[in-house]
């Protein structure tokens, strides 16, 4: 079955895009898959928070095998995992 990934690009995104550009979404998903069991159900490009040291961030909604939903923030420039929030995040972590 072919599944589409939803990527929302807000028009109001005012953060400057770095010269090297953004990492492609499939690469970000691969990095998250290496650390967490489950699958991406939604992705959005958002501004980074002041403490994240990242201007542009992918905000992923990630469904774990148990059906829990995690919110995962990943730097769109270097792929660094910035934050994971949600019930079941410890159980979904790969060893």
Foldseek 3Di string as FASTA:
>chain_A
DDDDEAEAEDPPLPQDADPVGFDDPVVLQVVVVVWFAFHWRYWYWHADDPVQPAGIWIWTFTQHPVRWTKTWIARRHPRHTRDIDTPPRVVGTDD
